[in-house]
Protein backbone atom coordinates (compact mmCIF):
# COMPACT_ATOMS: atom_id res chain seq x y z
CA UNK A 1 12.73 -12.75 88.04
CA UNK A 2 9.24 -13.73 89.20
CA UNK A 3 6.61 -15.23 86.94
CA UNK A 4 4.66 -11.94 87.06
CA UNK A 5 7.68 -9.99 85.87
CA UNK A 6 8.33 -12.54 83.17
CA UNK A 7 4.75 -12.23 81.97
CA UNK A 8 5.04 -8.45 81.90
CA UNK A 9 8.20 -8.57 79.83
CA UNK A 10 6.71 -11.12 77.44
CA UNK A 11 3.55 -9.04 77.01
CA UNK A 12 5.57 -5.93 76.20
CA UNK A 13 7.74 -7.79 73.72
CA UNK A 14 4.63 -9.12 72.02
CA UNK A 15 3.15 -5.62 71.96
CA UNK A 16 6.20 -4.25 70.17
CA UNK A 17 6.54 -7.21 67.79
CA UNK A 18 2.84 -6.96 66.91
CA UNK A 19 3.29 -3.26 66.20
CA UNK A 20 6.07 -4.05 63.73
CA UNK A 21 3.88 -6.70 62.10
CA UNK A 22 1.02 -4.21 61.78
CA UNK A 23 3.38 -1.65 60.26
CA UNK A 24 4.39 -4.15 57.59
CA UNK A 25 0.75 -4.43 56.48
CA UNK A 26 0.02 -0.71 56.84
CA UNK A 27 2.82 0.63 54.62
CA UNK A 28 1.74 2.07 51.29
CA UNK A 29 3.41 0.33 48.35
CA UNK A 30 3.77 3.48 46.26
CA UNK A 31 5.33 5.40 49.14
CA UNK A 32 7.79 2.59 49.85
CA UNK A 33 8.81 2.46 46.18
CA UNK A 34 9.27 6.22 46.18
CA UNK A 35 11.47 6.17 49.29
CA UNK A 36 13.62 3.26 48.11
CA UNK A 37 14.12 4.92 44.72
CA UNK A 38 15.09 8.21 46.38
CA UNK A 39 17.66 6.60 48.67
CA UNK A 40 19.09 4.16 46.11
CA UNK A 41 19.37 6.92 43.52
CA UNK A 42 20.77 9.52 45.91
CA UNK A 43 23.87 11.11 44.39
CA UNK A 44 24.81 12.80 47.64
CA UNK A 45 24.20 11.45 51.12
CA UNK A 46 21.28 10.62 53.34
CA UNK A 47 20.83 13.10 56.19
CA UNK A 48 18.69 11.88 59.08
CA UNK A 49 16.95 14.23 61.51
CA UNK A 50 15.24 13.47 64.78
CA UNK A 51 14.86 14.90 68.27
CA UNK A 52 15.15 13.06 71.58
CA UNK A 53 14.64 9.29 71.33
CA UNK A 54 13.94 9.68 67.61
CA UNK A 55 17.36 11.26 67.28
CA UNK A 56 18.98 8.22 68.86
CA UNK A 57 17.10 5.97 66.45
CA UNK A 58 18.24 8.25 63.62
CA UNK A 59 21.88 7.79 64.63
CA UNK A 60 21.50 4.04 64.48
CA UNK A 61 19.79 4.12 61.08
CA UNK A 62 22.53 6.39 59.72
CA UNK A 63 25.19 3.98 60.99
CA UNK A 64 23.43 1.00 59.42
CA UNK A 65 23.04 2.72 56.06
CA UNK A 66 26.65 3.86 56.01
CA UNK A 67 27.94 0.38 56.78
CA UNK A 68 25.83 -1.15 54.02
CA UNK A 69 26.85 1.06 51.14
CA UNK A 70 24.72 4.20 51.55
CA UNK A 71 26.55 7.24 52.88
CA UNK A 72 24.44 8.66 55.72
CA UNK A 73 24.78 10.88 58.76
CA UNK A 74 22.67 12.10 61.64
CA UNK A 75 22.07 15.84 62.07
CA UNK A 76 20.41 17.25 65.16
CA UNK A 77 17.79 19.84 64.15
CA UNK A 78 18.98 22.34 66.77
CA UNK A 79 22.53 22.10 65.49
CA UNK A 80 21.23 22.42 61.94
CA UNK A 81 19.50 25.71 62.78
CA UNK A 82 22.78 27.07 64.15
CA UNK A 83 25.06 26.36 61.21
CA UNK A 84 24.88 22.60 60.78
CA UNK A 85 22.43 23.03 57.90
CA UNK A 86 25.43 23.77 55.70
CA UNK A 87 26.08 20.05 55.42
CA UNK A 88 22.80 19.53 53.55
CA UNK A 89 23.25 19.79 49.78
CA UNK A 90 20.74 19.62 46.89
CA UNK A 91 21.81 16.08 45.91
CA UNK A 92 21.04 14.75 49.40
CA UNK A 93 17.97 12.97 50.69
CA UNK A 94 16.68 13.93 54.14
CA UNK A 95 14.87 11.43 56.36
CA UNK A 96 12.96 12.97 59.24
CA UNK A 97 11.86 10.85 62.23
CA UNK A 98 9.03 12.05 64.43
CA UNK A 99 6.18 10.24 66.11
CA UNK A 100 3.95 13.30 66.39
CA UNK A 101 5.16 15.07 63.28
CA UNK A 102 4.75 18.35 65.13
CA UNK A 103 8.01 18.63 67.07
CA UNK A 104 8.98 22.32 67.10
CA UNK A 105 12.58 21.80 66.00
CA UNK A 106 11.47 19.52 63.17
CA UNK A 107 8.70 21.81 61.90
CA UNK A 108 11.09 24.77 62.15
CA UNK A 109 13.56 22.97 59.88
CA UNK A 110 11.16 22.20 57.06
CA UNK A 111 11.19 25.60 55.26
CA UNK A 112 14.99 25.64 55.19
CA UNK A 113 15.12 22.10 53.84
CA UNK A 114 12.62 23.03 51.15
CA UNK A 115 14.78 26.00 50.20
CA UNK A 116 17.65 23.63 49.58
CA UNK A 117 15.47 21.58 47.23
CA UNK A 118 16.23 18.26 48.92
CA UNK A 119 13.82 15.35 48.91
CA UNK A 120 12.24 14.91 52.36
CA UNK A 121 11.17 11.48 53.60
CA UNK A 122 9.05 11.35 56.73
CA UNK A 123 8.90 8.34 59.03
CA UNK A 124 6.05 9.59 61.14
CA UNK A 125 3.35 8.36 63.48
CA UNK A 126 0.77 10.99 62.53
CA UNK A 127 -0.23 11.10 58.87
CA UNK A 128 -2.18 14.33 59.41
CA UNK A 129 0.80 16.19 60.85
CA UNK A 130 2.73 19.14 59.46
CA UNK A 131 5.71 16.90 58.75
CA UNK A 132 3.64 14.35 56.84
CA UNK A 133 1.92 17.04 54.78
CA UNK A 134 5.16 18.74 53.74
CA UNK A 135 7.26 15.65 53.04
CA UNK A 136 7.86 14.31 49.54
CA UNK A 137 7.30 10.74 50.71
CA UNK A 138 5.75 9.39 53.89
CA UNK A 139 6.13 6.07 55.68
CA UNK A 140 3.44 5.31 58.21
CA UNK A 141 4.98 4.53 61.62
CA UNK A 142 1.72 4.80 63.56
CA UNK A 143 1.42 2.70 66.71
CA UNK A 144 -1.70 2.03 68.77
CA UNK A 145 0.06 1.98 72.12
CA UNK A 146 3.47 2.60 73.62
CA UNK A 147 4.99 -0.20 75.70
CA UNK A 148 5.23 2.29 78.55
CA UNK A 149 2.61 1.50 81.27
CA UNK A 150 1.62 5.17 81.14
CA UNK A 151 1.54 5.14 77.34
CA UNK A 152 3.94 8.08 77.38
CA UNK A 153 7.61 7.05 77.02
CA UNK A 154 8.65 6.48 73.38
CA UNK A 155 9.06 2.71 73.21
CA UNK A 156 6.88 0.97 70.66
CA UNK A 157 7.04 4.01 68.37
CA UNK A 158 10.83 4.11 68.38
CA UNK A 159 11.02 0.34 67.85
CA UNK A 160 8.80 0.65 64.78
CA UNK A 161 10.84 3.59 63.44
CA UNK A 162 14.05 1.62 63.89
CA UNK A 163 12.58 -1.42 62.18
CA UNK A 164 11.49 0.71 59.22
CA UNK A 165 14.97 2.24 59.01
CA UNK A 166 16.62 -1.19 59.07
CA UNK A 167 14.23 -2.48 56.42
CA UNK A 168 14.99 0.50 54.18
CA UNK A 169 18.73 0.09 54.61
CA UNK A 170 18.62 -3.61 53.78
CA UNK A 171 16.31 -3.10 50.80
CA UNK A 172 18.54 -0.38 49.37
CA UNK A 173 21.56 -2.61 50.00
CA UNK A 174 19.84 -5.30 47.92
CA UNK A 175 18.91 -2.82 45.19
CA UNK A 176 22.52 -1.63 44.96
CA UNK A 177 23.77 -5.20 44.81
CA UNK A 178 26.30 -4.75 47.61
CA UNK A 179 28.72 -7.69 47.56
CA UNK A 180 30.35 -9.47 50.47
CA UNK A 181 33.69 -7.91 49.52
CA UNK A 182 32.19 -4.41 49.46
CA UNK A 183 30.56 -5.01 52.82
CA UNK A 184 33.87 -6.17 54.25
CA UNK A 185 35.64 -3.01 53.07
CA UNK A 186 33.32 -1.04 55.36
CA UNK A 187 34.03 -3.39 58.27
CA UNK A 188 37.83 -3.77 58.29
CA UNK A 189 38.00 -4.39 62.04
CA UNK A 190 35.43 -7.17 61.99
CA UNK A 191 36.39 -10.79 61.40
CA UNK A 192 34.68 -10.88 58.01
CA UNK A 193 36.36 -7.65 56.99
CA UNK A 194 39.76 -8.91 58.01
CA UNK A 195 39.28 -12.17 56.15
CA UNK A 196 38.46 -10.34 52.96
CA UNK A 197 40.90 -7.43 53.17
CA UNK A 198 43.93 -8.30 55.34
CA UNK A 199 46.83 -9.56 53.22
CA UNK A 200 50.06 -11.37 53.90
CA UNK A 201 52.00 -8.17 53.21
CA UNK A 202 50.19 -6.55 56.15
CA UNK A 203 51.42 -9.18 58.63
CA UNK A 204 54.61 -10.74 57.30
CA UNK A 205 58.10 -10.25 58.70
CA UNK A 206 60.24 -8.78 55.95
CA UNK A 207 63.83 -9.80 55.36
CA UNK A 208 65.20 -6.88 57.30
CA UNK A 209 63.31 -8.12 60.37
CA UNK A 210 63.92 -11.80 59.72
CA UNK A 211 67.46 -12.89 58.79
CA UNK A 212 67.94 -15.11 55.76
CA UNK A 213 70.82 -17.46 55.10
CA UNK A 214 72.53 -18.58 51.93
CA UNK A 215 72.63 -22.13 50.65
CA UNK A 216 75.63 -23.99 52.00
CA UNK A 217 75.52 -22.25 55.40
CA UNK A 218 76.63 -24.35 58.37
CA UNK A 219 74.20 -25.55 61.00
CA UNK A 220 75.81 -23.10 63.43
CA UNK A 221 74.88 -20.23 61.12
CA UNK A 222 71.34 -21.60 61.06
CA UNK A 223 71.27 -21.49 64.86
CA UNK A 224 72.48 -17.90 64.89
CA UNK A 225 69.96 -16.80 62.27
CA UNK A 226 66.99 -18.41 64.03
CA UNK A 227 68.08 -16.99 67.37
CA UNK A 228 68.52 -13.51 65.92
CA UNK A 229 65.19 -13.52 64.11
CA UNK A 230 63.24 -14.95 67.03
CA UNK A 231 60.58 -16.37 64.73
CA UNK A 232 61.39 -20.05 65.06
CA UNK A 233 62.41 -20.41 61.43
CA UNK A 234 64.75 -19.05 58.77
CA UNK A 235 64.53 -18.88 54.98
CA UNK A 236 67.33 -20.22 52.80
CA UNK A 237 68.09 -18.43 49.51
CA UNK A 238 70.28 -19.15 46.51
CA UNK A 239 72.95 -16.71 45.29
CA UNK A 240 70.31 -14.74 43.34
CA UNK A 241 68.09 -14.34 46.38
CA UNK A 242 65.48 -16.84 45.26
CA UNK A 243 63.94 -19.11 47.85
CA UNK A 244 65.73 -22.45 48.13
CA UNK A 245 64.08 -23.75 51.30
CA UNK A 246 63.07 -23.14 54.89
CA UNK A 247 64.33 -24.44 58.21
CA UNK A 248 62.37 -24.46 61.45
CA UNK A 249 63.52 -25.01 65.02
CA UNK A 250 62.23 -28.55 64.77
CA UNK A 251 64.14 -29.23 61.56
CA UNK A 252 67.34 -28.03 63.21
CA UNK A 253 66.90 -30.11 66.38
CA UNK A 254 66.11 -33.26 64.44
CA UNK A 255 69.08 -32.76 62.11
CA UNK A 256 71.51 -32.39 65.01
CA UNK A 257 69.95 -35.34 66.82
CA UNK A 258 70.31 -37.66 63.83
CA UNK A 259 73.82 -36.54 62.82
CA UNK A 260 76.83 -38.24 64.34
CA UNK A 261 79.33 -36.09 66.19
CA UNK A 262 81.97 -36.84 63.57
CA UNK A 263 79.71 -35.58 60.77
CA UNK A 264 78.32 -32.58 62.60
CA UNK A 265 81.10 -30.26 61.43
CA UNK A 266 80.12 -30.90 57.81
CA UNK A 267 76.36 -30.44 58.36
CA UNK A 268 74.95 -27.59 56.25
CA UNK A 269 71.51 -26.13 55.80
CA UNK A 270 71.17 -27.89 52.44
CA UNK A 271 71.20 -31.25 54.25
CA UNK A 272 68.05 -30.65 56.31
CA UNK A 273 66.10 -27.71 54.90
CA UNK A 274 62.66 -28.24 53.42
CA UNK A 275 63.16 -27.69 49.71
CA UNK A 276 60.29 -26.39 47.57
CA UNK A 277 58.18 -25.51 50.62
CA UNK A 278 54.62 -24.26 50.53
CA UNK A 279 54.83 -20.50 50.05
CA UNK A 280 52.69 -17.39 50.22
CA UNK A 281 52.80 -14.22 48.16
CA UNK A 282 52.49 -10.71 49.60
CA UNK A 283 49.15 -10.23 47.81
CA UNK A 284 47.61 -13.41 49.21
CA UNK A 285 44.81 -12.89 51.72
CA UNK A 286 46.04 -13.67 55.21
CA UNK A 287 43.03 -15.93 55.73
CA UNK A 288 44.02 -17.97 52.66
CA UNK A 289 47.57 -18.22 54.01
CA UNK A 290 46.14 -19.59 57.24
CA UNK A 291 44.22 -22.19 55.26
CA UNK A 292 47.44 -23.18 53.46
CA UNK A 293 49.03 -23.88 56.82
CA UNK A 294 46.12 -25.68 58.42
CA UNK A 295 44.18 -27.46 55.64
CA UNK A 296 46.73 -30.19 55.05
CA UNK A 297 47.51 -33.66 56.46
CA UNK A 298 50.43 -32.28 58.47
CA UNK A 299 49.95 -28.72 59.67
CA UNK A 300 52.74 -26.18 59.42
CA UNK A 301 53.20 -22.97 61.36
CA UNK A 302 55.24 -20.82 59.02
CA UNK A 303 55.31 -19.86 55.34
CA UNK A 304 58.08 -18.21 53.33
CA UNK A 305 56.82 -15.24 51.32
CA UNK A 306 58.01 -14.87 47.73
CA UNK A 307 57.34 -12.41 44.92
CA UNK A 308 56.46 -13.24 41.31
CA UNK A 309 60.15 -14.02 40.58
CA UNK A 310 60.37 -16.42 43.52
CA UNK A 311 62.60 -13.95 45.34
CA UNK A 312 62.29 -14.42 49.10
CA UNK A 313 60.78 -11.26 50.60
CA UNK A 314 59.79 -12.41 54.06
CA UNK A 315 58.12 -14.92 56.31
CA UNK A 316 54.69 -15.22 57.96
CA UNK A 317 53.70 -17.37 60.94
CA UNK A 318 50.34 -18.79 61.93
CA UNK A 319 50.81 -16.88 65.17
CA UNK A 320 50.92 -13.57 63.27
CA UNK A 321 47.63 -14.36 61.53
CA UNK A 322 45.81 -15.56 64.63
CA UNK A 323 47.00 -12.54 66.61
CA UNK A 324 45.47 -10.26 63.96
CA UNK A 325 42.02 -11.51 64.94
CA UNK A 326 41.24 -13.79 61.99
C-alpha cells in the first residue's frame, strides 16, 4: 500500500468516525429516552425494516439485540408486503432504517404498520421525510457526506445507522440488567458460553462406557479394565458402589515396577489406588472441573464423578474438557 492510499484510507476512516461523533451530539435526549423505553418495555419483539444496505445493517442490529437479551428479527419490506407482515404483532416495536426516509418500499409499509398499532422508531437521515413525520420516535442519523468519492454509495450513513443500533442494543441491555450468565446462555458455542453452561454431565464417560472395578481386584483386572475403557484410568468402588479410589496408567506402572516378582501375585488395586481422590459432580461446571485438575501443586488429568451419595457415576478427563473448546 502506497502512502497516498494509506492517506486516503485514513481520511475516510476519520470521516466516518467524525460522523459518529457528530451524531452523538446531534441526538435529541427526549427521543432517545422514548426509543430506549419502547425497546426495553417491549412485550413482543423488535422488528427491523430496511432496504438495500440499510437492510444489511438491520440484520446486524437484529442479531446484536437478540444476542443481548432483546428478541429481534429483520423483515424485508417487500417480503412483508407479500405475507411477511403477519409476523408483526401489536406488542412489537418496529425500527425502520432509511437514509432518505422516502424509499418506496418503506413508505408503502407505513400505513399497514399503523393499522397494526405498533410503535414505529425511525433511524433516518432526513428529518423532513415521510418516514420521520409518521414515526412515533425519530433518531437523527443525518450525515454531511458519504465516504464514497462520488458521495453516492451508502457508507458513512450506514456506519452511523449501525453505530446507533449498537448503542441502542447496549443501552437496553444495561437497562434490563443482563447478567454474564444470561449473556452466556445466548452464546452456548462461544468460549464464555461454554464456561458458564457446559457441565461435567455433558462431557463425562458414564460407567457403561468406562469399566469400574471392585475393591480387592487384582492388578491384572486393573490392566484389563483400563485397556477396555481406553481412558487411561479406572474407578474403584466398594460393594455398595461408592467411590473408593482411582487408578491411572501411571499408578499401575509404578506399582508393578516397585513390587517384587514374588509379591506381584498378591498385588491388588487397594495397594496402589489413590484413596479419597479429588472428585467432580455431574452438576459441576466443566470449566470448574478443569480448574480442579490444573490449579494444584501437582496437576492431574482425570476426575472420578460421584453423585450426592458418593456413588461413582463416571469419569471425566482433562482431554474431554479441552476438546470441548473451553
